[in-house]
């Protein structure tokens, strides 16, 4: 996962890492370690993730 800074202070874009080979692909959409290293609030991120899942259904 890449954390990309934006022009807005404290706002980052979370870009998933995609890994693939002849068997298929895997996408890393969440990394607790990387988010903590970036100083992101884990609880807030989980709330946002849950809201996105609800919107999809």
N, C-alpha and C. Protein backbone atom coordinates (compact mmCIF):
# COMPACT_ATOMS: atom_id res chain seq x y z
N UNK A 1 0.85 -1.17 0.00
CA UNK A 1 0.00 0.00 0.00
C UNK A 1 0.90 1.24 0.00
N UNK A 2 0.54 2.19 -0.87
CA UNK A 2 1.26 3.45 -0.90
C UNK A 2 0.40 4.52 -0.26
N UNK A 3 1.03 5.36 0.55
CA UNK A 3 0.37 6.52 1.14
C UNK A 3 0.87 7.75 0.39
N UNK A 4 -0.04 8.42 -0.28
CA UNK A 4 0.32 9.56 -1.12
C UNK A 4 -0.18 10.84 -0.47
N UNK A 5 0.74 11.78 -0.26
CA UNK A 5 0.37 13.08 0.31
C UNK A 5 -0.45 13.88 -0.70
N UNK A 6 -1.32 14.73 -0.18
CA UNK A 6 -2.10 15.63 -1.03
C UNK A 6 -1.80 17.07 -0.63
N UNK A 7 -2.41 18.00 -1.33
CA UNK A 7 -2.22 19.42 -1.00
C UNK A 7 -2.92 19.78 0.31
N UNK A 8 -3.89 18.98 0.73
CA UNK A 8 -4.62 19.24 1.97
C UNK A 8 -3.84 18.67 3.14
N UNK A 9 -3.60 19.47 4.14
CA UNK A 9 -2.82 19.05 5.31
C UNK A 9 -3.50 17.87 6.01
N UNK A 10 -2.75 16.78 6.18
CA UNK A 10 -3.26 15.62 6.89
C UNK A 10 -4.10 14.67 6.06
N UNK A 11 -4.33 15.01 4.79
CA UNK A 11 -5.14 14.16 3.93
C UNK A 11 -4.21 13.35 3.04
N UNK A 12 -4.40 12.04 3.02
CA UNK A 12 -3.57 11.15 2.22
C UNK A 12 -4.45 10.27 1.34
N UNK A 13 -3.92 9.88 0.21
CA UNK A 13 -4.57 8.91 -0.66
C UNK A 13 -3.96 7.56 -0.36
N UNK A 14 -4.80 6.56 -0.13
CA UNK A 14 -4.33 5.20 0.12
C UNK A 14 -4.45 4.42 -1.19
N UNK A 15 -3.32 4.09 -1.78
CA UNK A 15 -3.30 3.37 -3.05
C UNK A 15 -2.90 1.93 -2.79
N UNK A 16 -3.78 0.99 -3.09
CA UNK A 16 -3.46 -0.42 -2.81
C UNK A 16 -2.32 -0.92 -3.69
N UNK A 17 -1.54 -1.84 -3.15
CA UNK A 17 -0.49 -2.51 -3.93
C UNK A 17 -1.08 -3.77 -4.53
N UNK A 18 -0.77 -4.01 -5.80
CA UNK A 18 -1.28 -5.19 -6.50
C UNK A 18 -0.09 -6.07 -6.89
N UNK A 19 -0.19 -7.34 -6.53
CA UNK A 19 0.86 -8.31 -6.83
C UNK A 19 0.23 -9.43 -7.66
N UNK A 20 0.90 -9.83 -8.71
CA UNK A 20 0.33 -10.89 -9.54
C UNK A 20 1.39 -11.79 -10.15
N UNK A 21 0.96 -12.97 -10.51
CA UNK A 21 1.78 -13.91 -11.24
C UNK A 21 0.86 -14.81 -12.06
N UNK A 22 1.35 -15.94 -12.55
CA UNK A 22 0.56 -16.82 -13.40
C UNK A 22 -0.66 -17.41 -12.70
N UNK A 23 -0.69 -17.36 -11.35
CA UNK A 23 -1.81 -17.93 -10.59
C UNK A 23 -2.95 -16.94 -10.39
N UNK A 24 -2.67 -15.66 -10.55
CA UNK A 24 -3.69 -14.64 -10.31
C UNK A 24 -3.06 -13.42 -9.67
N UNK A 25 -3.85 -12.71 -8.86
CA UNK A 25 -3.34 -11.50 -8.25
C UNK A 25 -3.83 -11.37 -6.81
N UNK A 26 -3.14 -10.54 -6.07
CA UNK A 26 -3.46 -10.24 -4.68
C UNK A 26 -3.34 -8.74 -4.51
N UNK A 27 -4.29 -8.14 -3.79
CA UNK A 27 -4.27 -6.70 -3.56
C UNK A 27 -4.20 -6.43 -2.07
N UNK A 28 -3.19 -5.67 -1.66
CA UNK A 28 -3.06 -5.27 -0.25
C UNK A 28 -3.86 -3.98 -0.07
N UNK A 29 -5.02 -4.08 0.56
CA UNK A 29 -5.88 -2.91 0.73
C UNK A 29 -5.80 -2.33 2.14
N UNK A 30 -5.15 -3.05 3.04
CA UNK A 30 -5.04 -2.58 4.42
C UNK A 30 -3.74 -3.07 5.01
N UNK A 31 -3.01 -2.17 5.65
CA UNK A 31 -1.79 -2.53 6.35
C UNK A 31 -1.75 -1.74 7.65
N UNK A 32 -2.03 -2.40 8.74
CA UNK A 32 -2.04 -1.76 10.05
C UNK A 32 -0.69 -1.11 10.34
N UNK A 33 0.38 -1.81 10.01
CA UNK A 33 1.73 -1.31 10.26
C UNK A 33 1.98 -0.02 9.49
N UNK A 34 1.67 0.00 8.21
CA UNK A 34 1.92 1.19 7.39
C UNK A 34 1.06 2.37 7.82
N UNK A 35 -0.18 2.10 8.22
CA UNK A 35 -1.05 3.19 8.67
C UNK A 35 -0.55 3.77 9.99
N UNK A 36 -0.10 2.91 10.89
CA UNK A 36 0.45 3.41 12.16
C UNK A 36 1.72 4.21 11.94
N UNK A 37 2.58 3.74 11.03
CA UNK A 37 3.81 4.47 10.72
C UNK A 37 3.50 5.85 10.16
N UNK A 38 2.40 5.97 9.44
CA UNK A 38 2.00 7.25 8.85
C UNK A 38 1.26 8.13 9.86
N UNK A 39 1.02 7.59 11.07
CA UNK A 39 0.35 8.37 12.10
C UNK A 39 -1.16 8.43 11.93
N UNK A 40 -1.71 7.52 11.15
CA UNK A 40 -3.16 7.54 10.93
C UNK A 40 -3.87 6.86 12.08
N UNK A 41 -5.03 7.37 12.44
CA UNK A 41 -5.83 6.83 13.52
C UNK A 41 -6.52 5.55 13.06
N UNK A 42 -6.13 4.43 13.63
CA UNK A 42 -6.66 3.13 13.22
C UNK A 42 -8.18 3.05 13.38
N UNK A 43 -8.70 3.56 14.47
CA UNK A 43 -10.15 3.50 14.72
C UNK A 43 -10.91 4.28 13.65
N UNK A 44 -10.44 5.47 13.32
CA UNK A 44 -11.10 6.28 12.30
C UNK A 44 -11.06 5.58 10.94
N UNK A 45 -9.93 4.97 10.61
CA UNK A 45 -9.81 4.28 9.33
C UNK A 45 -10.80 3.11 9.25
N UNK A 46 -10.97 2.38 10.34
CA UNK A 46 -11.91 1.26 10.34
C UNK A 46 -13.34 1.74 10.17
N UNK A 47 -13.68 2.88 10.76
CA UNK A 47 -15.03 3.43 10.60
C UNK A 47 -15.26 3.80 9.14
N UNK A 48 -14.29 4.46 8.53
CA UNK A 48 -14.43 4.84 7.12
C UNK A 48 -14.57 3.59 6.26
N UNK A 49 -13.79 2.57 6.55
CA UNK A 49 -13.86 1.32 5.79
C UNK A 49 -15.24 0.68 5.91
N UNK A 50 -15.80 0.67 7.11
CA UNK A 50 -17.14 0.10 7.31
C UNK A 50 -18.20 0.90 6.56
N UNK A 51 -18.07 2.21 6.54
CA UNK A 51 -19.02 3.05 5.81
C UNK A 51 -18.96 2.75 4.31
N UNK A 52 -17.75 2.54 3.78
CA UNK A 52 -17.61 2.22 2.36
C UNK A 52 -18.27 0.87 2.06
N UNK A 53 -18.12 -0.11 2.95
CA UNK A 53 -18.71 -1.42 2.72
C UNK A 53 -20.24 -1.31 2.73
N UNK A 54 -20.79 -0.48 3.61
CA UNK A 54 -22.24 -0.33 3.65
C UNK A 54 -22.76 0.32 2.38
N UNK A 55 -22.00 1.26 1.86
CA UNK A 55 -22.41 1.96 0.63
C UNK A 55 -22.47 1.00 -0.54
N UNK A 56 -21.56 0.00 -0.57
CA UNK A 56 -21.51 -0.95 -1.67
C UNK A 56 -22.70 -1.89 -1.67
N UNK A 57 -23.34 -2.10 -0.56
CA UNK A 57 -24.43 -3.09 -0.48
C UNK A 57 -25.77 -2.43 -0.52
